[in-house]
Amino acid sequence: MGRVEPFPDVPSREPTPRTAPQAKWSVVTGAALGHRFEVMASPRIEIRFCPKCRWHTRATWLAQELFTTFGDAPPDGLGEIALVPAAVGVFEVRVDGEVVFARAASGRFPEPKELKQAIRDRCFPGRPLGHSDERG
């Protein structure tokens, strides 16, 4: 029986330049697989949650809400939404490393409307949110 190569040589693809001046780009290499791909690093949303508290469902629901609202391709949308397991009792949302909502400070979970408005105001000023902009 012939020798089987576990990871065949895959030609790498150089990243293509983008027109968004505010975007921060990095190239991630999957060395074991020989793949290269681009990752849009900004704006990066982190939803940090306590898995022991079983808050992963709430975290994924908020991530889905943010993808629905800001899911356009960069630079018009978010670069990344990350779900990050954290310490016991933690539930916070960060934009490019800066905390925009912390359950510890507010004593409650964020409402999707207020979270969308905070992210819009920081990352996409002037962008309409439709019914999420209505006062009520």
C-alpha atoms as a PDB file:
ATOM      1  CA  MET A   1       0.000   0.000   0.000  1.00  0.00           C
ATOM      2  CA  GLY A   2       1.316   3.442  -0.919  1.00  0.00           C
ATOM      3  CA  ARG A   3       2.052   6.225   1.516  1.00  0.00           C
ATOM      4  CA  VAL A   4      -0.881   8.579   2.141  1.00  0.00           C
ATOM      5  CA  GLU A   5      -0.103  12.240   2.776  1.00  0.00           C
ATOM      6  CA  PRO A   6      -2.420  13.507   5.530  1.00  0.00           C
ATOM      7  CA  PHE A   7      -2.302  17.144   4.379  1.00  0.00           C
ATOM      8  CA  PRO A   8      -1.833  17.645   0.659  1.00  0.00           C
ATOM      9  CA  ASP A   9      -0.105  20.781  -0.533  1.00  0.00           C
ATOM     10  CA  VAL A  10      -2.651  23.511  -1.015  1.00  0.00           C
ATOM     11  CA  PRO A  11      -1.543  26.657  -2.808  1.00  0.00           C
ATOM     12  CA  SER A  12      -1.814  29.729  -0.596  1.00  0.00           C
ATOM     13  CA  ARG A  13      -3.843  32.710  -1.680  1.00  0.00           C
ATOM     14  CA  GLU A  14      -2.478  36.138  -0.944  1.00  0.00           C
ATOM     15  CA  PRO A  15      -4.960  38.514   0.684  1.00  0.00           C
ATOM     16  CA  THR A  16      -6.611  41.008  -1.618  1.00  0.00           C
ATOM     17  CA  PRO A  17      -6.634  44.668  -0.591  1.00  0.00           C
ATOM     18  CA  ARG A  18      -9.907  46.214   0.535  1.00  0.00           C
ATOM     19  CA  THR A  19     -11.099  49.764   0.129  1.00  0.00           C
ATOM     20  CA  ALA A  20     -12.181  50.367   3.735  1.00  0.00           C
ATOM     21  CA  PRO A  21      -9.556  52.598   5.328  1.00  0.00           C
ATOM     22  CA  GLN A  22     -10.812  51.948   8.868  1.00  0.00           C
ATOM     23  CA  ALA A  23     -10.575  48.170   8.492  1.00  0.00           C
ATOM     24  CA  LYS A  24      -7.822  46.225  10.202  1.00  0.00           C
ATOM     25  CA  TRP A  25      -6.850  43.065   8.331  1.00  0.00           C
ATOM     26  CA  SER A  26      -4.865  40.075   9.389  1.00  0.00           C
ATOM     27  CA  VAL A  27      -3.982  36.857   7.625  1.00  0.00           C
ATOM     28  CA  VAL A  28      -4.548  33.654   9.547  1.00  0.00           C
ATOM     29  CA  THR A  29      -2.722  30.520   8.490  1.00  0.00           C
ATOM     30  CA  GLY A  30      -4.090  27.042   9.096  1.00  0.00           C
ATOM     31  CA  ALA A  31      -0.599  25.552   9.081  1.00  0.00           C
ATOM     32  CA  ALA A  32      -1.707  21.958   9.592  1.00  0.00           C
ATOM     33  CA  LEU A  33      -3.962  22.141   6.559  1.00  0.00           C
ATOM     34  CA  GLY A  34      -1.795  24.456   4.487  1.00  0.00           C
ATOM     35  CA  HIS A  35      -4.628  26.970   4.060  1.00  0.00           C
ATOM     36  CA  ARG A  36      -4.476  30.762   4.255  1.00  0.00           C
ATOM     37  CA  PHE A  37      -7.518  32.945   4.624  1.00  0.00           C
ATOM     38  CA  GLU A  38      -8.426  36.500   5.540  1.00  0.00           C
ATOM     39  CA  VAL A  39     -10.069  37.622   8.744  1.00  0.00           C
ATOM     40  CA  MET A  40     -11.691  41.012   9.166  1.00  0.00           C
ATOM     41  CA  ALA A  41     -10.711  42.069  12.657  1.00  0.00           C
ATOM     42  CA  SER A  42     -12.687  45.274  13.052  1.00  0.00           C
ATOM     43  CA  PRO A  43     -15.296  45.901  14.186  1.00  0.00           C
ATOM     44  CA  ARG A  44     -15.099  42.776  16.367  1.00  0.00           C
ATOM     45  CA  ILE A  45     -17.934  42.007  18.748  1.00  0.00           C
ATOM     46  CA  GLU A  46     -17.273  39.709  21.700  1.00  0.00           C
ATOM     47  CA  ILE A  47     -20.129  38.302  23.730  1.00  0.00           C
ATOM     48  CA  ARG A  48     -18.548  36.957  26.915  1.00  0.00           C
ATOM     49  CA  PHE A  49     -20.793  34.643  28.906  1.00  0.00           C
ATOM     50  CA  CYS A  50     -20.698  32.180  31.794  1.00  0.00           C
ATOM     51  CA  PRO A  51     -21.202  28.637  30.478  1.00  0.00           C
ATOM     52  CA  LYS A  52     -21.753  27.303  34.022  1.00  0.00           C
ATOM     53  CA  CYS A  53     -24.714  29.684  34.347  1.00  0.00           C
ATOM     54  CA  ARG A  54     -26.057  28.256  31.061  1.00  0.00           C
ATOM     55  CA  TRP A  55     -26.104  31.683  29.395  1.00  0.00           C
ATOM     56  CA  HIS A  56     -24.858  30.339  26.051  1.00  0.00           C
ATOM     57  CA  THR A  57     -28.398  30.306  24.629  1.00  0.00           C
ATOM     58  CA  ARG A  58     -28.840  33.999  25.433  1.00  0.00           C
ATOM     59  CA  ALA A  59     -25.389  34.758  23.974  1.00  0.00           C
ATOM     60  CA  THR A  60     -26.149  32.944  20.710  1.00  0.00           C
ATOM     61  CA  TRP A  61     -29.555  34.621  20.458  1.00  0.00           C
ATOM     62  CA  LEU A  62     -27.960  38.082  20.810  1.00  0.00           C
ATOM     63  CA  ALA A  63     -25.290  37.121  18.264  1.00  0.00           C
ATOM     64  CA  GLN A  64     -28.050  36.112  15.824  1.00  0.00           C
ATOM     65  CA  GLU A  65     -29.814  39.446  16.403  1.00  0.00           C
ATOM     66  CA  LEU A  66     -26.575  41.332  15.684  1.00  0.00           C
ATOM     67  CA  PHE A  67     -25.900  39.255  12.551  1.00  0.00           C
ATOM     68  CA  THR A  68     -29.422  39.976  11.330  1.00  0.00           C
ATOM     69  CA  THR A  69     -28.940  43.724  11.783  1.00  0.00           C
ATOM     70  CA  PHE A  70     -25.247  44.186  10.923  1.00  0.00           C
ATOM     71  CA  GLY A  71     -24.538  41.060   8.857  1.00  0.00           C
ATOM     72  CA  ASP A  72     -23.526  42.878   5.673  1.00  0.00           C
ATOM     73  CA  ALA A  73     -20.152  42.059   4.195  1.00  0.00           C
ATOM     74  CA  PRO A  74     -17.317  44.263   5.497  1.00  0.00           C
ATOM     75  CA  PRO A  75     -16.800  47.199   5.477  1.00  0.00           C
ATOM     76  CA  ASP A  76     -20.566  47.835   5.710  1.00  0.00           C
ATOM     77  CA  GLY A  77     -21.089  45.207   8.406  1.00  0.00           C
ATOM     78  CA  LEU A  78     -19.370  43.589  11.343  1.00  0.00           C
ATOM     79  CA  GLY A  79     -15.998  41.970  10.897  1.00  0.00           C
ATOM     80  CA  GLU A  80     -16.590  39.280  13.489  1.00  0.00           C
ATOM     81  CA  ILE A  81     -18.893  38.197  16.281  1.00  0.00           C
ATOM     82  CA  ALA A  82     -17.221  35.935  18.816  1.00  0.00           C
ATOM     83  CA  LEU A  83     -18.837  33.925  21.596  1.00  0.00           C
ATOM     84  CA  VAL A  84     -16.309  33.730  24.422  1.00  0.00           C
ATOM     85  CA  PRO A  85     -16.791  31.519  27.486  1.00  0.00           C
ATOM     86  CA  ALA A  86     -15.900  33.540  30.589  1.00  0.00           C
ATOM     87  CA  ALA A  87     -15.760  33.306  34.379  1.00  0.00           C
ATOM     88  CA  VAL A  88     -18.722  32.480  36.591  1.00  0.00           C
ATOM     89  CA  GLY A  89     -21.428  35.161  36.487  1.00  0.00           C
ATOM     90  CA  VAL A  90     -19.965  37.141  33.591  1.00  0.00           C
ATOM     91  CA  PHE A  91     -22.120  38.401  30.746  1.00  0.00           C
ATOM     92  CA  GLU A  92     -20.679  41.319  28.815  1.00  0.00           C
ATOM     93  CA  VAL A  93     -20.534  42.618  25.283  1.00  0.00           C
ATOM     94  CA  ARG A  94     -17.377  44.241  23.905  1.00  0.00           C
ATOM     95  CA  VAL A  95     -16.734  46.153  20.705  1.00  0.00           C
ATOM     96  CA  ASP A  96     -13.063  46.051  19.646  1.00  0.00           C
ATOM     97  CA  GLY A  97     -12.126  45.227  23.249  1.00  0.00           C
ATOM     98  CA  GLU A  98     -14.148  48.011  24.887  1.00  0.00           C
ATOM     99  CA  VAL A  99     -17.030  46.967  27.151  1.00  0.00           C
ATOM    100  CA  VAL A 100     -20.357  48.377  25.902  1.00  0.00           C
ATOM    101  CA  PHE A 101     -22.548  46.329  28.243  1.00  0.00           C
ATOM    102  CA  ALA A 102     -21.778  44.454  31.452  1.00  0.00           C
ATOM    103  CA  ARG A 103     -24.347  42.539  33.460  1.00  0.00           C
ATOM    104  CA  ALA A 104     -22.270  43.097  36.599  1.00  0.00           C
ATOM    105  CA  ALA A 105     -22.620  46.880  36.261  1.00  0.00           C
ATOM    106  CA  SER A 106     -26.287  46.994  35.221  1.00  0.00           C
ATOM    107  CA  GLY A 107     -27.671  44.037  37.175  1.00  0.00           C
ATOM    108  CA  ARG A 108     -29.553  42.760  34.111  1.00  0.00           C
ATOM    109  CA  PHE A 109     -29.088  41.368  30.622  1.00  0.00           C
ATOM    110  CA  PRO A 110     -29.017  43.700  27.602  1.00  0.00           C
ATOM    111  CA  GLU A 111     -32.086  44.198  25.476  1.00  0.00           C
ATOM    112  CA  PRO A 112     -31.379  43.624  21.766  1.00  0.00           C
ATOM    113  CA  LYS A 113     -32.613  47.131  20.930  1.00  0.00           C
ATOM    114  CA  GLU A 114     -30.196  48.903  23.296  1.00  0.00           C
ATOM    115  CA  LEU A 115     -27.315  46.680  22.214  1.00  0.00           C
ATOM    116  CA  LYS A 116     -27.963  47.357  18.523  1.00  0.00           C
ATOM    117  CA  GLN A 117     -28.150  51.102  19.188  1.00  0.00           C
ATOM    118  CA  ALA A 118     -24.883  51.083  21.187  1.00  0.00           C
ATOM    119  CA  ILE A 119     -23.046  49.147  18.464  1.00  0.00           C
ATOM    120  CA  ARG A 120     -24.537  51.292  15.709  1.00  0.00           C
ATOM    121  CA  ASP A 121     -23.554  54.513  17.510  1.00  0.00           C
ATOM    122  CA  ARG A 122     -19.973  53.272  17.929  1.00  0.00           C
ATOM    123  CA  CYS A 123     -19.373  51.482  14.603  1.00  0.00           C
ATOM    124  CA  PHE A 124     -21.916  52.789  12.085  1.00  0.00           C
ATOM    125  CA  PRO A 125     -23.022  56.312  13.098  1.00  0.00           C
ATOM    126  CA  GLY A 126     -25.937  57.596  11.083  1.00  0.00           C
ATOM    127  CA  ARG A 127     -27.089  54.120  10.007  1.00  0.00           C
ATOM    128  CA  PRO A 128     -30.849  53.713  10.483  1.00  0.00           C
ATOM    129  CA  LEU A 129     -32.059  50.731  12.506  1.00  0.00           C
ATOM    130  CA  GLY A 130     -35.719  50.868  11.495  1.00  0.00           C
ATOM    131  CA  HIS A 131     -38.027  49.868  14.333  1.00  0.00           C
ATOM    132  CA  SER A 132     -35.107  49.678  16.796  1.00  0.00           C
ATOM    133  CA  ASP A 133     -34.767  53.470  16.492  1.00  0.00           C
ATOM    134  CA  GLU A 134     -38.362  54.141  17.482  1.00  0.00           C
ATOM    135  CA  ARG A 135     -38.935  55.506  20.950  1.00  0.00           C
ATOM    136  CA  GLY A 136     -41.601  53.787  22.930  1.00  0.00           C
END
